[in-house]
Amino acid sequence: MEMPVFALHTVLFPFASMRVRVFEPRYLAMLDDVPPEGPFVVVAIRQGQEVGGTYEPARVGVAVAIDVHERGDDGAHHLRVAGRDRVALIAPSSHDPYPVWHVEPYPDEGGAGTDDVEAASRALEGYLRSTGDPVDPTLAIPHDPVAASYVLAAATPGLVPQHQMLLEIASAGQRLVAVRSILRRETALVRALGAGVGGAGIDVSPN
């Protein structure tokens, strides 16, 4: 199937939300064509420019639904999008007036249980305590292990390449192991340095 693609210097996970300001002509044209609720694909940029230039996208992104769509006084569109399912970008179909790719579903393979979720959740709590940040009361960890693996991955500190790695991991079980390992490593680093670093958030505004 073919889907419009919106590329950003950030990673969106399934079950997470993101605020997006749309002002480029190519993406304004995209919004003219997609239904009010979406969908389109949000994908991270591996190399290149987010605004006005060329870029190389990562090959796994997330199909999104539009939860909020408002028009600003400056003509920009202000969206809140919700991550749904992973998709693999296979090949570009069109770049004019906006990017369209052939995509295929990239379903999660599962393989996780309650114990895996609890272990990763404890690792996140330990990391937040080490930085001096309180545990976010709005961060509700789902009971479903697949959903929980994405929510915990989104809350894990790291730059785009590390978050993209977590997004692309085939199974929830492997993702939760990776999340726990990253959080334990970051906790040990913070304690060794004796200095706080900023925590991570799920709801982001890349523009």
Protein backbone atom coordinates (compact mmCIF):
# COMPACT_ATOMS: atom_id res chain seq x y z
CA MET A 1 0.00 0.00 0.00
CA GLU A 2 1.01 3.64 -0.42
CA MET A 3 1.02 6.26 2.35
CA PRO A 4 2.18 9.87 2.71
CA VAL A 5 5.31 10.22 4.83
CA PHE A 6 6.14 13.03 7.26
CA ALA A 7 9.82 13.02 8.27
CA LEU A 8 11.15 14.52 11.52
CA HIS A 9 14.30 14.58 13.62
CA THR A 10 12.56 12.54 16.30
CA VAL A 11 11.10 9.06 16.79
CA LEU A 12 7.43 8.45 17.47
CA PHE A 13 6.41 5.15 19.04
CA PRO A 14 3.09 3.33 18.82
CA PHE A 15 0.80 4.29 21.74
CA ALA A 16 2.59 7.67 22.09
CA SER A 17 1.43 11.10 20.97
CA MET A 18 3.25 14.01 19.40
CA ARG A 19 2.46 17.65 18.70
CA VAL A 20 3.44 18.78 15.22
CA ARG A 21 3.42 22.23 13.63
CA VAL A 22 2.94 21.90 9.88
CA PHE A 23 4.01 24.87 7.77
CA GLU A 24 6.02 23.55 4.79
CA PRO A 25 4.17 23.67 1.44
CA ARG A 26 4.77 19.96 0.80
CA TYR A 27 3.15 18.93 4.08
CA LEU A 28 0.35 21.48 3.80
CA ALA A 29 -0.44 19.82 0.47
CA MET A 30 -0.39 16.45 2.21
CA LEU A 31 -2.95 17.63 4.74
CA ASP A 32 -5.17 18.78 1.90
CA ASP A 33 -5.25 15.19 0.62
CA VAL A 34 -5.40 13.00 3.73
CA PRO A 35 -8.73 12.53 5.53
CA PRO A 36 -9.30 14.68 8.65
CA GLU A 37 -8.37 11.78 10.92
CA GLY A 38 -5.37 10.66 8.83
CA PRO A 39 -3.56 8.37 8.49
CA PHE A 40 -0.05 9.16 7.36
CA VAL A 41 3.36 7.89 8.41
CA VAL A 42 5.74 9.66 10.80
CA VAL A 43 9.33 8.55 10.33
CA ALA A 44 12.67 9.66 11.76
CA ILE A 45 15.33 11.22 9.55
CA ARG A 46 18.60 9.30 9.39
CA GLN A 47 20.47 12.01 7.47
CA GLY A 48 19.49 15.34 6.01
CA GLN A 49 17.30 18.30 6.75
CA GLU A 50 13.89 18.37 8.37
CA VAL A 51 12.79 21.64 6.76
CA GLY A 52 13.10 22.52 3.11
CA GLY A 53 15.76 20.04 2.07
CA THR A 54 16.38 16.43 1.17
CA TYR A 55 16.75 13.66 3.69
CA GLU A 56 17.17 9.91 4.10
CA PRO A 57 14.39 8.43 6.22
CA ALA A 58 14.68 5.49 8.55
CA ARG A 59 13.03 2.43 7.08
CA VAL A 60 10.61 1.83 9.95
CA GLY A 61 8.04 4.43 10.94
CA VAL A 62 4.64 4.62 12.56
CA ALA A 63 1.23 5.19 10.99
CA VAL A 64 -0.58 7.93 12.88
CA ALA A 65 -4.11 9.18 13.43
CA ILE A 66 -4.84 12.87 13.88
CA ASP A 67 -6.39 13.55 17.30
CA VAL A 68 -6.32 17.36 17.18
CA HIS A 69 -6.14 19.62 14.12
CA GLU A 70 -6.13 23.39 14.54
CA ARG A 71 -5.28 26.22 12.16
CA GLY A 72 -3.01 28.98 13.45
CA ASP A 73 -3.19 32.67 12.63
CA ASP A 74 0.08 32.30 10.73
CA GLY A 75 -1.42 29.73 8.37
CA ALA A 76 0.36 26.79 9.99
CA HIS A 77 -1.54 23.70 11.06
CA HIS A 78 -1.14 22.49 14.64
CA LEU A 79 -1.68 18.76 15.03
CA ARG A 80 -1.59 16.23 17.78
CA VAL A 81 -1.02 12.83 16.26
CA ALA A 82 -1.25 9.43 17.92
CA GLY A 83 1.06 6.58 16.99
CA ARG A 84 -0.75 3.45 15.87
CA ASP A 85 1.04 0.63 14.04
CA ARG A 86 4.61 0.23 12.81
CA VAL A 87 5.17 0.17 9.07
CA ALA A 88 8.23 -0.59 6.97
CA LEU A 89 9.11 1.85 4.19
CA ILE A 90 9.81 -0.25 1.10
CA ALA A 91 10.36 2.19 -1.77
CA PRO A 92 9.46 5.78 -2.64
CA SER A 93 6.45 6.18 -4.89
CA SER A 94 6.37 9.96 -5.35
CA HIS A 95 8.08 13.07 -4.01
CA ASP A 96 5.86 15.73 -5.58
CA PRO A 97 4.07 17.53 -4.06
CA TYR A 98 4.87 15.51 -0.92
CA PRO A 99 6.63 12.19 -0.16
CA VAL A 100 4.63 9.01 -0.70
CA TRP A 101 6.10 5.57 -0.04
CA HIS A 102 5.13 1.98 -0.60
CA VAL A 103 4.83 0.59 2.92
CA GLU A 104 4.13 -2.78 4.50
CA PRO A 105 2.90 -3.67 8.00
CA TYR A 106 5.69 -4.33 10.49
CA PRO A 107 3.85 -6.06 13.33
CA ASP A 108 5.38 -6.70 16.72
CA GLU A 109 6.27 -10.32 17.44
CA GLY A 110 5.31 -10.16 21.15
CA GLY A 111 7.20 -12.59 23.34
CA ALA A 112 6.90 -10.67 26.61
CA GLY A 113 5.09 -11.20 29.88
CA THR A 114 4.13 -9.33 33.02
CA ASP A 115 7.49 -10.00 34.67
CA ASP A 116 9.32 -8.35 31.76
CA VAL A 117 7.11 -5.26 32.01
CA GLU A 118 7.58 -5.00 35.77
CA ALA A 119 11.36 -5.31 35.49
CA ALA A 120 11.57 -2.54 32.89
CA SER A 121 9.18 -0.35 34.90
CA ARG A 122 11.34 -0.74 38.00
CA ALA A 123 14.39 0.19 35.94
CA LEU A 124 12.64 3.39 34.79
CA GLU A 125 11.70 4.27 38.37
CA GLY A 126 15.29 3.71 39.45
CA TYR A 127 16.58 5.93 36.68
CA LEU A 128 14.19 8.75 37.55
CA ARG A 129 15.13 8.55 41.23
CA SER A 130 18.81 8.75 40.31
CA THR A 131 18.22 11.97 38.34
CA GLY A 132 16.11 13.50 41.08
CA ASP A 133 13.02 13.53 38.88
CA PRO A 134 9.75 12.28 40.34
CA VAL A 135 8.03 9.40 38.65
CA ASP A 136 5.57 10.95 36.20
CA PRO A 137 2.09 10.25 37.59
CA THR A 138 0.63 10.56 34.07
CA LEU A 139 2.86 7.78 32.76
CA ALA A 140 0.44 4.87 32.87
CA ILE A 141 2.09 1.61 31.87
CA PRO A 142 -0.41 -0.52 29.93
CA HIS A 143 -1.12 -4.08 31.01
CA ASP A 144 -0.55 -5.35 27.47
CA PRO A 145 3.17 -6.17 27.20
CA VAL A 146 3.48 -4.96 23.59
CA ALA A 147 1.92 -1.59 24.39
CA ALA A 148 3.97 -1.37 27.59
CA SER A 149 7.19 -2.02 25.68
CA TYR A 150 6.56 0.98 23.43
CA VAL A 151 5.51 3.29 26.27
CA LEU A 152 8.63 2.40 28.24
CA ALA A 153 10.82 2.76 25.15
CA ALA A 154 9.43 6.26 24.58
CA ALA A 155 10.28 7.18 28.19
CA THR A 156 13.87 5.93 27.85
CA PRO A 157 16.56 8.63 27.57
CA GLY A 158 18.54 8.71 24.36
CA LEU A 159 19.05 10.33 21.00
CA VAL A 160 17.29 9.52 17.74
CA PRO A 161 19.49 6.54 16.73
CA GLN A 162 18.88 4.77 20.06
CA HIS A 163 15.14 5.41 19.98
CA GLN A 164 14.99 4.23 16.38
CA MET A 165 16.79 1.05 17.40
CA LEU A 166 14.16 0.44 20.08
CA LEU A 167 11.37 1.08 17.59
CA GLU A 168 12.78 -1.40 15.10
CA ILE A 169 13.32 -4.29 17.54
CA ALA A 170 11.20 -7.18 16.31
CA SER A 171 9.55 -8.25 19.56
CA ALA A 172 8.21 -6.70 22.74
CA GLY A 173 10.25 -9.14 24.82
CA GLN A 174 13.52 -8.07 23.20
CA ARG A 175 12.51 -4.40 23.44
CA LEU A 176 11.82 -4.62 27.17
CA VAL A 177 15.20 -6.28 27.75
CA ALA A 178 16.89 -3.48 25.78
CA VAL A 179 14.96 -0.80 27.67
CA ARG A 180 15.91 -2.29 31.02
CA SER A 181 19.58 -2.52 29.97
CA ILE A 182 19.67 1.12 28.79
CA LEU A 183 17.98 2.40 31.93
CA ARG A 184 20.30 0.47 34.22
CA ARG A 185 23.33 1.75 32.31
CA GLU A 186 22.08 5.35 32.45
CA THR A 187 21.31 5.01 36.16
CA ALA A 188 24.82 3.76 36.86
CA LEU A 189 26.28 6.62 34.80
CA VAL A 190 24.26 9.27 36.64
CA ARG A 191 25.26 7.86 40.01
CA ALA A 192 28.91 7.68 38.96
CA LEU A 193 28.91 11.29 37.79
CA GLY A 194 26.97 12.45 40.82
CA ALA A 195 25.00 14.88 38.67
CA GLY A 196 21.39 14.96 37.55
CA VAL A 197 20.40 14.84 33.91
CA GLY A 198 17.04 15.60 32.42
CA GLY A 199 14.39 12.93 32.27
CA ALA A 200 12.59 11.88 29.13
CA GLY A 201 9.08 12.72 28.06
CA ILE A 202 6.64 11.05 25.73
CA ASP A 203 4.65 13.97 24.39
CA VAL A 204 7.08 15.99 22.24
CA SER A 205 6.93 19.06 20.02
CA PRO A 206 9.57 18.72 17.30
CA ASN A 207 8.80 22.00 15.49
